[in-house]
N, C-alpha and C. Protein backbone atom coordinates (compact mmCIF):
# COMPACT_ATOMS: atom_id res chain seq x y z
N UNK A 1 -5.36 96.53 20.45
CA UNK A 1 -4.02 96.27 20.03
C UNK A 1 -3.80 94.85 20.50
N UNK A 2 -3.18 94.08 19.49
CA UNK A 2 -2.90 92.69 19.79
C UNK A 2 -1.56 92.60 20.70
N UNK A 3 -1.35 91.40 21.30
CA UNK A 3 -0.23 91.26 22.04
C UNK A 3 1.08 91.29 21.10
N UNK A 4 0.88 90.74 19.95
CA UNK A 4 2.02 90.69 18.95
C UNK A 4 2.41 92.19 18.54
N UNK A 5 1.38 93.03 18.40
CA UNK A 5 1.69 94.41 17.89
C UNK A 5 2.35 95.11 19.22
N UNK A 6 1.81 94.85 20.28
CA UNK A 6 2.28 95.54 21.54
C UNK A 6 3.85 95.11 21.79
N UNK A 7 4.20 93.86 21.27
CA UNK A 7 5.55 93.40 21.47
C UNK A 7 6.42 93.93 20.34
N UNK A 8 5.90 94.06 19.10
CA UNK A 8 6.65 94.56 18.01
C UNK A 8 7.09 95.95 18.11
N UNK A 9 6.27 96.78 18.70
CA UNK A 9 6.53 98.24 18.76
C UNK A 9 7.78 98.49 19.63
N UNK A 10 7.88 98.09 20.87
CA UNK A 10 9.14 98.32 21.58
C UNK A 10 10.34 97.60 21.00
N UNK A 11 10.15 96.35 20.43
CA UNK A 11 11.18 95.64 19.85
C UNK A 11 11.83 96.44 18.80
N UNK A 12 11.06 97.12 17.92
CA UNK A 12 11.50 97.93 16.84
C UNK A 12 12.18 99.20 17.25
N UNK A 13 11.42 99.92 18.15
CA UNK A 13 12.11 101.19 18.71
C UNK A 13 13.31 101.05 19.58
N UNK A 14 13.43 99.78 20.28
CA UNK A 14 14.59 99.59 21.00
C UNK A 14 15.76 98.88 20.38
N UNK A 15 15.52 98.57 19.05
CA UNK A 15 16.57 97.92 18.32
C UNK A 15 17.84 98.80 18.20
N UNK A 16 18.95 98.14 18.40
CA UNK A 16 20.27 98.87 18.28
C UNK A 16 20.41 99.61 16.90
N UNK A 17 19.91 99.06 15.85
CA UNK A 17 19.93 99.71 14.55
C UNK A 17 19.16 101.03 14.55
N UNK A 18 17.97 100.98 15.16
CA UNK A 18 17.25 102.28 15.19
C UNK A 18 17.94 103.31 15.93
N UNK A 19 18.47 102.92 17.11
CA UNK A 19 19.31 103.85 17.83
C UNK A 19 20.46 104.41 17.00
N UNK A 20 21.17 103.54 16.40
CA UNK A 20 22.34 103.95 15.61
C UNK A 20 22.02 104.87 14.51
N UNK A 21 20.92 104.52 13.81
CA UNK A 21 20.57 105.40 12.70
C UNK A 21 20.10 106.82 13.11
N UNK A 22 19.33 106.85 14.29
CA UNK A 22 18.93 108.15 14.67
C UNK A 22 20.05 108.92 15.34
N UNK A 23 20.89 108.38 16.13
CA UNK A 23 21.97 109.03 16.79
C UNK A 23 23.04 109.39 15.84
N UNK A 24 23.50 108.42 15.09
CA UNK A 24 24.70 108.60 14.25
C UNK A 24 24.29 109.09 12.83
N UNK A 25 23.13 108.57 12.32
CA UNK A 25 22.83 109.03 11.00
C UNK A 25 22.08 110.22 10.89
N UNK A 26 21.27 110.56 11.92
CA UNK A 26 20.42 111.79 11.90
C UNK A 26 21.02 112.88 12.89
N UNK A 27 21.92 112.49 13.71
CA UNK A 27 22.48 113.50 14.63
C UNK A 27 21.69 113.71 15.93
N UNK A 28 20.76 112.88 16.28
CA UNK A 28 20.08 112.94 17.45
C UNK A 28 21.10 112.73 18.60
N UNK A 29 20.75 113.41 19.78
CA UNK A 29 21.46 113.23 21.00
C UNK A 29 20.80 111.90 21.67
N UNK A 30 21.58 111.30 22.50
CA UNK A 30 21.03 110.11 23.15
C UNK A 30 19.83 110.45 24.02
N UNK A 31 19.89 111.69 24.65
CA UNK A 31 18.79 112.18 25.43
C UNK A 31 17.45 112.30 24.61
N UNK A 32 17.69 112.94 23.40
CA UNK A 32 16.59 113.07 22.49
C UNK A 32 15.99 111.78 22.10
N UNK A 33 16.82 110.72 21.77
CA UNK A 33 16.28 109.37 21.44
C UNK A 33 15.50 108.86 22.56
N UNK A 34 16.07 108.86 23.79
CA UNK A 34 15.40 108.36 24.98
C UNK A 34 14.09 108.93 25.27
N UNK A 35 13.99 110.28 25.04
CA UNK A 35 12.64 110.98 25.23
C UNK A 35 11.70 110.62 24.21
N UNK A 36 12.04 110.64 22.96
CA UNK A 36 11.08 110.40 21.85
C UNK A 36 10.74 108.89 21.90
N UNK A 37 11.60 107.98 22.19
CA UNK A 37 11.22 106.56 22.31
C UNK A 37 10.21 106.46 23.53
N UNK A 38 10.56 106.93 24.61
CA UNK A 38 9.69 106.88 25.71
C UNK A 38 8.39 107.43 25.60
N UNK A 39 8.35 108.61 24.95
CA UNK A 39 7.02 109.24 24.59
C UNK A 39 6.22 108.34 23.63
N UNK A 40 6.87 107.89 22.66
CA UNK A 40 6.24 107.05 21.63
C UNK A 40 5.73 105.83 22.26
N UNK A 41 6.44 105.04 23.04
CA UNK A 41 6.06 103.87 23.71
C UNK A 41 4.86 104.12 24.64
N UNK A 42 4.84 105.21 25.38
CA UNK A 42 3.83 105.54 26.28
C UNK A 42 2.58 105.82 25.47
N UNK A 43 2.63 106.58 24.44
CA UNK A 43 1.54 106.96 23.67
C UNK A 43 0.90 105.78 22.93
N UNK A 44 1.77 104.99 22.28
CA UNK A 44 1.19 103.70 21.51
C UNK A 44 0.75 102.55 22.46
N UNK A 45 1.42 102.23 23.56
CA UNK A 45 1.08 101.14 24.33
C UNK A 45 0.05 101.43 25.50
N UNK A 46 -0.04 102.69 25.85
CA UNK A 46 -0.98 102.92 26.95
C UNK A 46 -2.13 103.68 26.46
N UNK A 47 -2.16 104.13 25.33
CA UNK A 47 -3.24 104.98 24.80
C UNK A 47 -4.57 104.22 24.87
N UNK A 48 -4.66 103.01 24.38
CA UNK A 48 -5.82 102.28 24.29
C UNK A 48 -6.43 101.98 25.74
N UNK A 49 -5.50 101.70 26.60
CA UNK A 49 -5.96 101.41 28.02
C UNK A 49 -6.47 102.66 28.77
N UNK A 50 -5.78 103.80 28.56
CA UNK A 50 -6.18 105.08 29.11
C UNK A 50 -7.60 105.49 28.57
N UNK A 51 -7.76 105.29 27.21
CA UNK A 51 -8.94 105.72 26.49
C UNK A 51 -10.17 104.94 27.03
N UNK A 52 -9.84 103.50 27.15
CA UNK A 52 -10.88 102.74 27.56
C UNK A 52 -11.24 102.99 29.05
N UNK A 53 -10.35 103.29 29.84
CA UNK A 53 -10.58 103.67 31.23
C UNK A 53 -11.45 104.98 31.36
N UNK A 54 -11.16 106.02 30.56
CA UNK A 54 -11.90 107.20 30.45
C UNK A 54 -13.35 106.91 29.98
N UNK A 55 -13.48 106.13 28.88
CA UNK A 55 -14.87 105.88 28.49
C UNK A 55 -15.58 105.10 29.50
N UNK A 56 -14.90 104.17 30.11
CA UNK A 56 -15.70 103.39 31.07
C UNK A 56 -16.07 104.27 32.28
N UNK A 57 -15.25 105.16 32.70
CA UNK A 57 -15.57 106.04 33.79
C UNK A 57 -16.73 107.02 33.44
N UNK A 58 -16.82 107.37 32.19
CA UNK A 58 -17.95 108.32 31.76
C UNK A 58 -19.29 107.43 31.80
N UNK A 59 -19.18 106.19 31.38
CA UNK A 59 -20.42 105.46 31.44
C UNK A 59 -20.84 105.26 32.82
N UNK A 60 -19.95 104.97 33.73
CA UNK A 60 -20.37 104.79 35.14
C UNK A 60 -20.87 106.02 35.84
N UNK A 61 -20.42 107.20 35.38
CA UNK A 61 -20.89 108.41 36.10
C UNK A 61 -22.00 109.05 35.40
N UNK A 62 -22.35 108.61 34.18
CA UNK A 62 -23.40 109.17 33.38
C UNK A 62 -23.02 110.38 32.59
N UNK A 63 -21.74 110.82 32.65
CA UNK A 63 -21.29 111.93 31.87
C UNK A 63 -20.75 111.52 30.58
N UNK A 64 -20.64 112.56 29.71
CA UNK A 64 -20.02 112.40 28.47
C UNK A 64 -20.95 112.03 27.41
């Protein structure tokens, strides 16, 4: 993932219009919004790093 993409994802998800559309337009609670955005950011931004760490660990231990 590029730095630009890693910046664009939270910028878009945290934009006030996104919050407004989901909370007022779709009827989400603020708690639901916070959880979904948090989960999405964690998955999207930390996924590659965690996957790389797991693969690196397997190579070092000879498993996998």
